[in-house]
C-alpha atoms as a PDB file:
ATOM      1  CA  ASP A   1       0.001  -0.004   0.010  1.00  0.00           C
ATOM      2  CA  GLU A   2       1.683   3.417  -0.931  1.00  0.00           C
ATOM      3  CA  ASP A   3       0.411   4.963   2.628  1.00  0.00           C
ATOM      4  CA  ASN A   4       2.631   2.708   4.297  1.00  0.00           C
ATOM      5  CA  LEU A   5       6.266   2.965   4.450  1.00  0.00           C
ATOM      6  CA  HIS A   6       7.992   0.221   5.441  1.00  0.00           C
ATOM      7  CA  ILE A   7      12.067   0.346   6.332  1.00  0.00           C
ATOM      8  CA  SER A   8      13.283  -3.432   6.518  1.00  0.00           C
ATOM      9  CA  ASN A   9      16.290  -2.995   9.088  1.00  0.00           C
ATOM     10  CA  ALA A  10      18.008  -0.531  11.273  1.00  0.00           C
ATOM     11  CA  GLY A  11      20.499   1.972   9.798  1.00  0.00           C
ATOM     12  CA  SER A  12      23.923   2.796  10.629  1.00  0.00           C
ATOM     13  CA  ASN A  13      25.903   6.198  10.016  1.00  0.00           C
ATOM     14  CA  GLY A  14      26.599   6.947   6.722  1.00  0.00           C
ATOM     15  CA  GLU A  15      24.259   4.468   5.146  1.00  0.00           C
ATOM     16  CA  PHE A  16      21.079   5.855   2.829  1.00  0.00           C
ATOM     17  CA  LEU A  17      17.365   4.125   2.418  1.00  0.00           C
ATOM     18  CA  GLN A  18      17.155   2.521  -0.662  1.00  0.00           C
ATOM     19  CA  LYS A  19      14.063   1.124  -2.587  1.00  0.00           C
ATOM     20  CA  GLN A  20      14.086  -2.422  -2.637  1.00  0.00           C
ATOM     21  CA  SER A  21      12.623  -4.187  -5.728  1.00  0.00           C
ATOM     22  CA  GLY A  22       9.580  -6.802  -5.851  1.00  0.00           C
ATOM     23  CA  ASN A  23       5.568  -6.900  -4.787  1.00  0.00           C
ATOM     24  CA  ALA A  24       6.753  -6.328  -0.641  1.00  0.00           C
ATOM     25  CA  GLY A  25       8.988  -2.730  -1.852  1.00  0.00           C
ATOM     26  CA  GLY A  26       9.520  -0.904   0.770  1.00  0.00           C
ATOM     27  CA  LEU A  27      13.338   0.739   1.889  1.00  0.00           C
ATOM     28  CA  THR A  28      16.039  -0.948   3.694  1.00  0.00           C
ATOM     29  CA  TRP A  29      19.433   0.788   4.510  1.00  0.00           C
ATOM     30  CA  ALA A  30      22.625   0.237   2.198  1.00  0.00           C
ATOM     31  CA  ALA A  31      25.945   1.401   2.287  1.00  0.00           C
ATOM     32  CA  VAL A  32      27.001   4.109  -0.044  1.00  0.00           C
ATOM     33  CA  SER A  33      29.390   2.637  -2.745  1.00  0.00           C
ATOM     34  CA  SER A  34      32.799   4.939  -2.869  1.00  0.00           C
ATOM     35  CA  ASP A  35      33.963   2.212  -6.092  1.00  0.00           C
ATOM     36  CA  LEU A  36      36.031   4.591  -7.648  1.00  0.00           C
ATOM     37  CA  THR A  37      37.590   1.951 -10.271  1.00  0.00           C
ATOM     38  CA  PRO A  38      39.053   1.561 -12.542  1.00  0.00           C
ATOM     39  CA  TYR A  39      42.032   4.280 -11.503  1.00  0.00           C
ATOM     40  CA  PHE A  40      45.078   4.960 -12.963  1.00  0.00           C
ATOM     41  CA  PHE A  41      48.082   7.133 -12.604  1.00  0.00           C
ATOM     42  CA  ALA A  42      50.858   7.162 -15.044  1.00  0.00           C
ATOM     43  CA  TYR A  43      53.988   9.209 -15.152  1.00  0.00           C
ATOM     44  CA  GLN A  44      57.303   9.740 -17.346  1.00  0.00           C
ATOM     45  CA  SER A  45      60.221   8.202 -15.176  1.00  0.00           C
ATOM     46  CA  ASP A  46      62.829   9.842 -17.559  1.00  0.00           C
ATOM     47  CA  ALA A  47      64.337  13.239 -16.015  1.00  0.00           C
ATOM     48  CA  SER A  48      64.122  14.668 -19.635  1.00  0.00           C
ATOM     49  CA  ILE A  49      62.941  13.909 -22.996  1.00  0.00           C
ATOM     50  CA  THR A  50      63.768  16.254 -25.569  1.00  0.00           C
ATOM     51  CA  VAL A  51      61.165  17.113 -27.945  1.00  0.00           C
ATOM     52  CA  SER A  52      60.865  18.922 -31.062  1.00  0.00           C
ATOM     53  CA  ASP A  53      59.945  22.553 -31.146  1.00  0.00           C
ATOM     54  CA  ASN A  54      56.864  23.562 -31.785  1.00  0.00           C
ATOM     55  CA  THR A  55      55.649  20.206 -32.465  1.00  0.00           C
ATOM     56  CA  SER A  56      52.726  18.405 -30.798  1.00  0.00           C
ATOM     57  CA  THR A  57      54.048  15.351 -29.015  1.00  0.00           C
ATOM     58  CA  GLN A  58      52.774  12.499 -26.993  1.00  0.00           C
ATOM     59  CA  VAL A  59      53.992  12.311 -23.713  1.00  0.00           C
ATOM     60  CA  THR A  60      56.275   9.113 -22.981  1.00  0.00           C
ATOM     61  CA  LEU A  61      54.469   7.913 -19.631  1.00  0.00           C
ATOM     62  CA  ASN A  62      56.580   5.020 -19.379  1.00  0.00           C
ATOM     63  CA  ALA A  63      55.890   4.163 -15.290  1.00  0.00           C
ATOM     64  CA  GLU A  64      52.864   3.676 -13.111  1.00  0.00           C
ATOM     65  CA  ARG A  65      52.051   4.292  -9.484  1.00  0.00           C
ATOM     66  CA  HIS A  66      48.345   2.615  -9.721  1.00  0.00           C
ATOM     67  CA  ASP A  67      46.496   0.601 -12.452  1.00  0.00           C
ATOM     68  CA  SER A  68      43.759  -0.815 -10.777  1.00  0.00           C
ATOM     69  CA  ASP A  69      42.449  -2.501 -13.693  1.00  0.00           C
ATOM     70  CA  SER A  70      45.890  -3.252 -15.910  1.00  0.00           C
ATOM     71  CA  ALA A  71      44.532  -0.734 -18.246  1.00  0.00           C
ATOM     72  CA  PHE A  72      47.348   1.635 -18.632  1.00  0.00           C
ATOM     73  CA  ASP A  73      49.540   0.314 -21.250  1.00  0.00           C
ATOM     74  CA  ILE A  74      53.375   1.896 -20.892  1.00  0.00           C
ATOM     75  CA  THR A  75      54.827  -0.610 -23.420  1.00  0.00           C
ATOM     76  CA  GLY A  76      56.645   0.526 -26.637  1.00  0.00           C
ATOM     77  CA  GLY A  77      54.901   3.525 -27.903  1.00  0.00           C
ATOM     78  CA  ASN A  78      51.736   3.079 -26.679  1.00  0.00           C
ATOM     79  CA  HIS A  79      51.842   5.128 -23.262  1.00  0.00           C
ATOM     80  CA  LYS A  80      47.757   5.218 -23.397  1.00  0.00           C
ATOM     81  CA  PHE A  81      44.675   4.440 -21.139  1.00  0.00           C
ATOM     82  CA  VAL A  82      41.984   1.870 -22.348  1.00  0.00           C
ATOM     83  CA  VAL A  83      38.598   2.502 -20.519  1.00  0.00           C
ATOM     84  CA  PRO A  84      37.803  -0.704 -19.459  1.00  0.00           C
ATOM     85  CA  VAL A  85      34.222  -0.012 -17.630  1.00  0.00           C
ATOM     86  CA  ALA A  86      32.014   2.680 -19.298  1.00  0.00           C
ATOM     87  CA  GLY A  87      31.513   5.972 -17.549  1.00  0.00           C
ATOM     88  CA  VAL A  88      32.055   9.233 -16.835  1.00  0.00           C
ATOM     89  CA  TYR A  89      35.896   9.581 -15.895  1.00  0.00           C
ATOM     90  CA  TYR A  90      37.877  12.335 -13.841  1.00  0.00           C
ATOM     91  CA  VAL A  91      41.142  12.709 -15.965  1.00  0.00           C
ATOM     92  CA  GLU A  92      43.924  15.470 -15.376  1.00  0.00           C
ATOM     93  CA  GLY A  93      47.325  15.818 -17.111  1.00  0.00           C
ATOM     94  CA  GLN A  94      50.452  18.058 -15.771  1.00  0.00           C
ATOM     95  CA  ILE A  95      53.644  18.250 -17.903  1.00  0.00           C
ATOM     96  CA  GLU A  96      56.710  19.746 -17.017  1.00  0.00           C
ATOM     97  CA  MET A  97      58.106  21.366 -19.704  1.00  0.00           C
ATOM     98  CA  GLY A  98      61.094  23.832 -20.510  1.00  0.00           C
ATOM     99  CA  SER A  99      64.035  25.427 -22.631  1.00  0.00           C
ATOM    100  CA  SER A 100      66.672  28.222 -22.136  1.00  0.00           C
ATOM    101  CA  SER A 101      64.176  30.939 -23.610  1.00  0.00           C
ATOM    102  CA  SER A 102      60.916  32.403 -23.789  1.00  0.00           C
ATOM    103  CA  ALA A 103      58.276  29.649 -25.002  1.00  0.00           C
ATOM    104  CA  GLN A 104      54.538  29.047 -25.741  1.00  0.00           C
ATOM    105  CA  GLU A 105      53.509  25.847 -23.717  1.00  0.00           C
ATOM    106  CA  TRP A 106      50.110  23.860 -24.756  1.00  0.00           C
ATOM    107  CA  ILE A 107      49.145  20.481 -22.708  1.00  0.00           C
ATOM    108  CA  ALA A 108      46.384  18.162 -24.248  1.00  0.00           C
ATOM    109  CA  ILE A 109      44.308  15.164 -23.243  1.00  0.00           C
ATOM    110  CA  TYR A 110      43.368  13.209 -26.203  1.00  0.00           C
ATOM    111  CA  LYS A 111      40.114  10.992 -26.349  1.00  0.00           C
ATOM    112  CA  ASP A 112      39.817   8.635 -29.122  1.00  0.00           C
ATOM    113  CA  GLY A 113      42.906  10.546 -31.142  1.00  0.00           C
ATOM    114  CA  ALA A 114      41.023  14.001 -30.873  1.00  0.00           C
ATOM    115  CA  ALA A 115      42.228  16.678 -28.274  1.00  0.00           C
ATOM    116  CA  TRP A 116      39.405  16.610 -26.138  1.00  0.00           C
ATOM    117  CA  THR A 117      40.540  19.212 -23.468  1.00  0.00           C
ATOM    118  CA  HIS A 118      43.561  21.075 -22.954  1.00  0.00           C
ATOM    119  CA  ALA A 119      45.547  24.329 -21.680  1.00  0.00           C
ATOM    120  CA  TYR A 120      47.388  26.932 -23.514  1.00  0.00           C
ATOM    121  CA  GLN A 121      49.737  29.846 -21.948  1.00  0.00           C
ATOM    122  CA  ASN A 122      52.514  32.493 -23.053  1.00  0.00           C
ATOM    123  CA  ARG A 123      56.011  32.675 -21.021  1.00  0.00           C
ATOM    124  CA  PRO A 124      57.266  35.753 -22.145  1.00  0.00           C
ATOM    125  CA  ASP A 125      59.973  36.031 -19.211  1.00  0.00           C
ATOM    126  CA  GLY A 126      62.019  33.020 -20.156  1.00  0.00           C
ATOM    127  CA  GLY A 127      63.019  30.941 -17.188  1.00  0.00           C
ATOM    128  CA  THR A 128      63.883  27.163 -17.430  1.00  0.00           C
ATOM    129  CA  ARG A 129      61.212  24.830 -16.609  1.00  0.00           C
ATOM    130  CA  CYS A 130      57.448  25.019 -15.809  1.00  0.00           C
ATOM    131  CA  LEU A 131      54.027  23.430 -14.860  1.00  0.00           C
ATOM    132  CA  ILE A 132      51.165  23.303 -16.942  1.00  0.00           C
ATOM    133  CA  GLN A 133      48.156  21.401 -16.478  1.00  0.00           C
ATOM    134  CA  THR A 134      44.456  20.312 -17.726  1.00  0.00           C
ATOM    135  CA  SER A 135      41.574  18.540 -16.307  1.00  0.00           C
ATOM    136  CA  GLY A 136      37.965  17.836 -16.364  1.00  0.00           C
ATOM    137  CA  LEU A 137      35.476  15.040 -16.696  1.00  0.00           C
ATOM    138  CA  MET A 138      35.111  12.735 -19.684  1.00  0.00           C
ATOM    139  CA  THR A 139      32.025  10.120 -20.821  1.00  0.00           C
ATOM    140  CA  CYS A 140      33.690   7.075 -21.670  1.00  0.00           C
ATOM    141  CA  VAL A 141      32.776   3.832 -23.660  1.00  0.00           C
ATOM    142  CA  VAL A 142      34.592   0.527 -23.297  1.00  0.00           C
ATOM    143  CA  GLY A 143      37.644   0.836 -25.338  1.00  0.00           C
ATOM    144  CA  THR A 144      37.773   4.699 -25.589  1.00  0.00           C
ATOM    145  CA  VAL A 145      41.824   5.548 -25.588  1.00  0.00           C
ATOM    146  CA  ILE A 146      43.099   8.641 -23.397  1.00  0.00           C
ATOM    147  CA  ARG A 147      46.535   9.967 -23.710  1.00  0.00           C
ATOM    148  CA  LEU A 148      48.391  12.860 -22.978  1.00  0.00           C
ATOM    149  CA  TYR A 149      50.208  15.257 -25.367  1.00  0.00           C
ATOM    150  CA  GLY A 150      52.468  18.364 -25.201  1.00  0.00           C
ATOM    151  CA  GLN A 151      53.572  21.246 -27.134  1.00  0.00           C
ATOM    152  CA  PHE A 152      56.404  23.587 -26.473  1.00  0.00           C
ATOM    153  CA  ASP A 153      57.143  26.561 -28.895  1.00  0.00           C
ATOM    154  CA  SER A 154      60.855  27.406 -27.797  1.00  0.00           C
ATOM    155  CA  ALA A 155      62.625  31.143 -29.420  1.00  0.00           C
ATOM    156  CA  SER A 156      65.950  29.173 -28.409  1.00  0.00           C
ATOM    157  CA  GLY A 157      67.165  26.162 -26.868  1.00  0.00           C
ATOM    158  CA  THR A 158      66.165  22.565 -27.103  1.00  0.00           C
ATOM    159  CA  PRO A 159      62.699  21.924 -25.694  1.00  0.00           C
ATOM    160  CA  ALA A 160      62.198  19.311 -23.053  1.00  0.00           C
ATOM    161  CA  PHE A 161      59.769  17.329 -21.002  1.00  0.00           C
ATOM    162  CA  TYR A 162      60.727  16.565 -17.515  1.00  0.00           C
ATOM    163  CA  GLY A 163      59.728  14.044 -15.154  1.00  0.00           C
ATOM    164  CA  GLY A 164      61.149  11.532 -12.740  1.00  0.00           C
ATOM    165  CA  SER A 165      60.687  10.429  -9.077  1.00  0.00           C
ATOM    166  CA  MET A 166      58.764  13.327  -8.299  1.00  0.00           C
ATOM    167  CA  HIS A 167      56.139  12.561 -11.027  1.00  0.00           C
ATOM    168  CA  ASP A 168      56.261  16.391 -12.220  1.00  0.00           C
ATOM    169  CA  THR A 169      55.042  14.912 -15.749  1.00  0.00           C
ATOM    170  CA  TYR A 170      51.674  12.695 -15.544  1.00  0.00           C
ATOM    171  CA  LEU A 171      48.330  11.370 -16.372  1.00  0.00           C
ATOM    172  CA  LEU A 172      45.775  10.386 -14.087  1.00  0.00           C
ATOM    173  CA  GLY A 173      41.987   9.387 -14.048  1.00  0.00           C
ATOM    174  CA  PHE A 174      39.304   7.633 -12.182  1.00  0.00           C
ATOM    175  CA  ARG A 175      35.744   6.382 -12.941  1.00  0.00           C
ATOM    176  CA  ILE A 176      33.321   8.577 -10.714  1.00  0.00           C
ATOM    177  CA  GLY A 177      29.996   7.054 -12.223  1.00  0.00           C
END
């Protein structure tokens, strides 16, 4: 009867009332799921990698800190996450890049071969290195490919992406729903 509310058990802190299926209906207490899998954190382990000036370059993410579903491929020239479970993902990428002169810097997270989110900055004062980052929410299907790209337009000097033990250059992501 829709006029009666039936709760089948006693709840605990942090739980919520969840509708039950079937003719009996009613509500029962249930735990909130905090499963944010799959998740990954891949980074450039090399201290520096020289890149071509003013050329969009896939970042060499050749080491992992986390990979819950073994879905990040660090082998060969792959350096990509292949989505194993459809859903909405939070993704974030960062690159430390630099040369000996002023520069324009660009970072992009690619989804299935096309730039999906990006950031750009102009650094007219020179300096040697800087960090640039981008992030957002991405709706993915099984098999979606996610990669990190960067571009560095230097007035002079040899541009490079920097990485190593501090994980300055990385790509991370996790499913949120």
